[in-house]
């Protein structure tokens, strides 16, 4: 899954993933490692399920809680204007970022 997400960031590909409570479509912006060594994905969700009720918004996903990440078939133009590189949640390093 890590390789799929890193490639999606590099190529600006939309990703469909399953994360509680269901399927989501996201624009992946950064992949990195959090303070506890967990793999994290910062992405802008464009549609799908949401535990918070915010179906279109920035999200931080833990890869150990994610399954079935795959390329959507579409792409996106690039980083959203409000995106900040070197995500502060990824304290132990960035693997890939826009």
Protein backbone atom coordinates (compact mmCIF):
# COMPACT_ATOMS: atom_id res chain seq x y z
CA UNK A 1 0.00 0.00 0.00
CA UNK A 2 2.89 2.34 0.79
CA UNK A 3 4.23 2.01 -2.76
CA UNK A 4 0.79 2.63 -4.30
CA UNK A 5 0.40 5.82 -2.28
CA UNK A 6 3.94 7.07 -2.96
CA UNK A 7 3.43 6.53 -6.71
CA UNK A 8 0.06 8.28 -6.56
CA UNK A 9 1.66 11.33 -4.94
CA UNK A 10 4.46 11.39 -7.50
CA UNK A 11 2.06 11.06 -10.45
CA UNK A 12 -0.84 13.11 -8.92
CA UNK A 13 -3.29 10.21 -9.13
CA UNK A 14 -6.60 10.03 -7.29
CA UNK A 15 -6.80 7.13 -4.85
CA UNK A 16 -9.78 5.15 -3.61
CA UNK A 17 -9.23 3.67 -0.16
CA UNK A 18 -11.25 2.03 2.55
CA UNK A 19 -11.02 3.72 5.95
CA UNK A 20 -13.73 3.51 8.61
CA UNK A 21 -16.58 3.98 8.05
CA UNK A 22 -16.20 3.25 4.32
CA UNK A 23 -14.75 4.02 0.90
CA UNK A 24 -13.22 7.42 0.19
CA UNK A 25 -11.67 9.12 -2.82
CA UNK A 26 -8.66 11.28 -2.01
CA UNK A 27 -5.96 13.46 -3.54
CA UNK A 28 -2.81 12.24 -1.73
CA UNK A 29 -0.38 15.03 -0.84
CA UNK A 30 2.13 13.56 1.65
CA UNK A 31 3.20 10.18 3.01
CA UNK A 32 5.38 9.97 6.09
CA UNK A 33 6.11 8.55 9.51
CA UNK A 34 4.50 9.84 12.71
CA UNK A 35 5.94 10.08 16.22
CA UNK A 36 5.04 6.49 17.13
CA UNK A 37 6.49 5.11 13.90
CA UNK A 38 3.08 4.83 12.23
CA UNK A 39 2.77 5.46 8.49
CA UNK A 40 0.57 8.49 7.75
CA UNK A 41 -1.10 9.88 4.65
CA UNK A 42 -2.14 13.53 4.39
CA UNK A 43 -4.79 13.82 1.70
CA UNK A 44 -7.65 15.98 0.56
CA UNK A 45 -10.82 13.89 0.51
CA UNK A 46 -13.04 14.72 -2.46
CA UNK A 47 -15.85 12.24 -1.81
CA UNK A 48 -16.91 9.27 0.25
CA UNK A 49 -17.50 8.22 3.82
CA UNK A 50 -16.47 10.25 6.86
CA UNK A 51 -16.56 9.50 10.58
CA UNK A 52 -16.35 13.26 11.31
CA UNK A 53 -19.18 14.17 8.93
CA UNK A 54 -16.80 16.26 6.80
CA UNK A 55 -16.89 14.41 3.50
CA UNK A 56 -14.81 16.98 1.59
CA UNK A 57 -11.83 18.21 3.59
CA UNK A 58 -8.23 17.60 4.59
CA UNK A 59 -7.68 14.28 6.36
CA UNK A 60 -4.80 12.51 8.08
CA UNK A 61 -5.00 8.74 7.63
CA UNK A 62 -3.07 6.00 9.43
CA UNK A 63 -2.06 3.26 7.01
CA UNK A 64 -2.50 0.56 9.66
CA UNK A 65 -6.22 1.45 9.72
CA UNK A 66 -6.55 1.61 5.94
CA UNK A 67 -7.19 -1.12 3.43
CA UNK A 68 -7.68 -1.55 -0.30
CA UNK A 69 -5.90 1.60 -1.49
CA UNK A 70 -5.85 1.68 -5.30
CA UNK A 71 -5.55 4.20 -8.09
CA UNK A 72 -8.95 5.68 -8.96
CA UNK A 73 -8.22 6.03 -12.67
CA UNK A 74 -8.29 9.82 -12.52
CA UNK A 75 -5.74 12.43 -11.62
CA UNK A 76 -5.63 15.86 -10.00
CA UNK A 77 -3.84 19.07 -11.00
CA UNK A 78 -1.40 19.26 -8.10
CA UNK A 79 -1.11 20.60 -4.60
CA UNK A 80 -4.10 22.49 -3.27
CA UNK A 81 -3.32 26.13 -2.36
CA UNK A 82 -3.72 25.54 1.39
CA UNK A 83 -1.32 22.55 1.40
CA UNK A 84 1.79 22.92 3.54
CA UNK A 85 4.86 20.84 2.69
CA UNK A 86 6.85 19.05 5.42
CA UNK A 87 3.73 18.02 7.34
CA UNK A 88 4.25 18.53 11.08
CA UNK A 89 2.38 15.30 11.90
CA UNK A 90 5.14 13.35 10.13
CA UNK A 91 7.77 13.95 12.78
CA UNK A 92 9.96 10.98 11.89
CA UNK A 93 10.25 11.72 8.20
CA UNK A 94 8.57 12.28 4.86
CA UNK A 95 8.53 9.45 2.33
CA UNK A 96 6.81 11.32 -0.51
CA UNK A 97 5.17 14.73 -0.88
CA UNK A 98 3.93 17.16 -3.50
